[in-house]
Protein backbone atom coordinates (compact mmCIF):
# COMPACT_ATOMS: atom_id res chain seq x y z
CA MET A 1 113.77 88.24 118.56
CA ALA A 2 114.86 85.93 115.81
CA PHE A 3 115.50 86.79 112.16
CA ASP A 4 113.27 84.06 110.77
CA THR A 5 111.47 85.33 107.67
CA HIS A 6 111.48 82.78 104.89
CA ASN A 7 111.65 83.50 101.21
CA GLY A 8 108.42 83.43 99.24
CA THR A 9 107.51 81.71 96.02
CA HIS A 10 106.69 84.74 93.83
CA GLY A 11 107.28 88.44 93.61
CA ALA A 12 109.02 91.19 91.72
CA ARG A 13 112.48 90.97 90.23
CA GLN A 14 115.25 91.05 92.80
CA PRO A 15 116.94 94.49 92.67
CA GLY A 16 120.67 94.95 92.35
CA ARG A 17 121.29 92.00 90.12
CA ASN A 18 123.07 93.72 87.25
CA ARG A 19 126.25 95.72 87.10
CA PHE A 20 124.55 99.06 86.53
CA GLU A 21 122.28 98.74 89.58
CA ARG A 22 125.26 97.69 91.74
CA TRP A 23 127.21 100.75 90.51
CA ALA A 24 124.30 103.14 91.11
CA ASN A 25 123.84 101.73 94.65
CA LEU A 26 127.55 102.23 95.41
CA ARG A 27 127.43 105.83 94.18
CA MET A 28 124.32 106.53 96.15
CA ALA A 29 125.90 105.00 99.27
CA GLN A 30 129.03 107.12 98.88
CA ARG A 31 126.93 110.29 98.54
CA LEU A 32 124.70 109.47 101.45
CA ARG A 33 127.68 108.72 103.69
CA ARG A 34 129.19 112.14 102.82
CA LYS A 35 126.22 114.47 102.45
CA GLY A 36 123.04 112.62 103.46
CA ASP A 37 119.98 113.28 101.34
CA ARG A 38 117.60 116.20 100.97
CA SER A 39 114.62 114.36 102.55
CA GLY A 40 116.70 113.01 105.44
CA ASN A 41 115.06 109.59 105.21
CA LYS A 42 117.84 107.52 103.63
CA LEU A 43 120.95 106.08 105.23
CA VAL A 44 123.71 103.59 104.45
CA LEU A 45 123.32 100.28 106.21
CA VAL A 46 126.82 98.81 106.76
CA THR A 47 126.76 95.08 107.54
CA VAL A 48 129.27 92.27 107.72
CA GLY A 49 128.85 89.62 105.00
CA LYS A 50 127.43 86.40 106.37
CA LYS A 51 129.73 84.33 104.10
CA THR A 52 132.63 86.63 103.30
CA GLY A 53 133.04 88.54 106.59
CA GLU A 54 133.57 91.68 104.44
CA GLU A 55 131.75 95.01 105.07
CA ARG A 56 128.82 95.66 102.71
CA MET A 57 127.06 98.98 102.18
CA THR A 58 123.43 99.27 101.20
CA PRO A 59 121.42 102.49 100.90
CA VAL A 60 118.01 102.07 102.54
CA ARG A 61 115.08 104.19 103.55
CA TRP A 62 114.47 104.54 107.29
CA PHE A 63 111.46 105.46 109.37
CA PRO A 64 111.52 107.06 112.87
CA GLU A 65 110.27 105.06 115.84
CA GLY A 66 110.49 107.36 118.74
CA GLY A 67 113.73 108.76 120.18
CA GLU A 68 116.84 107.36 118.53
CA PHE A 69 115.27 104.18 117.18
CA ARG A 70 115.01 103.74 113.39
CA LEU A 71 113.03 101.17 111.37
CA ILE A 72 114.18 99.75 108.04
CA VAL A 73 112.24 97.39 105.72
CA ALA A 74 113.73 94.34 103.96
CA SER A 75 111.32 94.76 101.03
CA ALA A 76 113.62 94.08 98.02
CA ASN A 77 110.96 95.86 95.97
CA GLY A 78 108.56 93.02 96.66
CA ALA A 79 110.83 90.23 95.43
CA ALA A 80 110.23 86.66 96.42
CA ARG A 81 113.61 86.54 98.23
CA ASN A 82 114.73 88.63 101.18
CA PRO A 83 117.52 91.03 100.24
CA SER A 84 121.09 89.85 100.86
CA TRP A 85 121.60 92.42 103.59
CA TYR A 86 118.84 90.82 105.61
CA TYR A 87 120.94 87.67 106.00
CA ASN A 88 124.01 89.70 106.87
CA VAL A 89 122.13 91.51 109.60
CA ALA A 90 120.64 88.18 110.80
CA ALA A 91 124.09 86.64 111.04
CA HIS A 92 125.63 89.60 112.86
CA PRO A 93 122.89 91.82 114.43
CA ASP A 94 125.45 93.33 116.83
CA ARG A 95 127.94 94.29 114.03
CA VAL A 96 125.69 96.75 112.14
CA ARG A 97 126.39 100.43 111.54
CA ILE A 98 124.48 103.18 109.89
CA GLU A 99 126.12 106.16 108.13
CA TYR A 100 124.77 109.38 106.70
CA ALA A 101 125.89 113.01 106.27
CA GLY A 102 129.32 112.28 107.84
CA ARG A 103 127.89 110.47 110.87
CA ARG A 104 128.63 106.81 111.87
CA ILE A 105 126.37 105.16 114.43
CA GLU A 106 126.89 101.64 115.74
CA VAL A 107 123.55 99.91 116.09
CA THR A 108 122.03 96.66 117.13
CA ALA A 109 119.35 95.16 114.77
CA GLU A 110 116.21 93.43 115.90
CA GLN A 111 113.44 92.03 113.74
CA LEU A 112 109.92 92.95 114.76
CA HIS A 113 107.22 90.25 115.02
CA GLY A 114 103.49 90.00 115.71
CA ALA A 115 101.49 93.04 116.89
CA GLU A 116 104.64 95.14 117.21
CA ARG A 117 105.50 94.49 113.54
CA GLU A 118 101.93 95.13 112.39
CA THR A 119 101.82 98.52 114.17
CA ALA A 120 105.13 99.55 112.74
CA TRP A 121 104.03 98.26 109.22
CA ARG A 122 100.87 100.44 109.31
CA ARG A 123 102.97 103.52 110.18
CA ILE A 124 105.48 102.69 107.46
CA THR A 125 102.87 102.19 104.75
CA THR A 126 101.05 105.37 105.73
CA GLN A 127 104.29 107.36 105.32
CA ALA A 128 105.37 105.47 102.18
CA PRO A 129 102.46 103.76 100.38
CA GLY A 130 104.84 102.12 97.87
CA PHE A 131 105.73 99.56 100.56
CA ALA A 132 102.14 98.33 100.66
CA LYS A 133 102.46 97.58 96.93
CA TYR A 134 105.50 95.38 97.63
CA GLU A 135 103.48 93.42 100.17
CA ARG A 136 100.74 92.79 97.59
CA ILE A 137 103.12 91.39 94.89
CA THR A 138 104.97 88.88 97.06
CA ASP A 139 103.79 86.12 99.33
CA ARG A 140 106.57 86.50 101.88
CA VAL A 141 106.15 88.57 105.05
CA ILE A 142 108.29 91.64 104.50
CA PRO A 143 110.63 91.97 107.56
CA VAL A 144 110.71 95.19 109.61
CA ILE A 145 113.95 95.74 111.45
CA ARG A 146 114.52 98.05 114.45
CA LEU A 147 117.93 99.72 114.69
CA THR A 148 118.96 100.73 118.21
CA PRO A 149 122.11 102.82 118.80
CA ARG A 150 124.72 101.06 120.93
CA ARG A 151 126.21 102.88 123.88
CA GLY A 152 129.94 102.95 124.60
């Protein structure tokens, strides 16, 4: 399905805008790639830049969706705009990789829509109620992305 979520008109401050936040995200990504995290629910999303073509690393929380599937949420802490990585994934859904604890898995990304998205969103907000807050402070629909491991 299409990656077609439009930006909203209001919401929280977009994360990762200052040098310190970018540095902290890079450090977290490096640690997650090597060691993972204690809770086991974070990974590094590696995308190809829509404009630059360069690899980009972003630490994100993931949620299980049966078997090897993982869900991630393009919440941007409830900002009015989708996170930059959303546009990278939309431009190259077949050139996405996840990394954690020394593992590298090539995945294909697909945005969920309609009833499938709503069902996933209810499970996500039950496990992590903070995501429901993000939905309340922005007027955009927060995208839910399914990551499916590629074979071969």
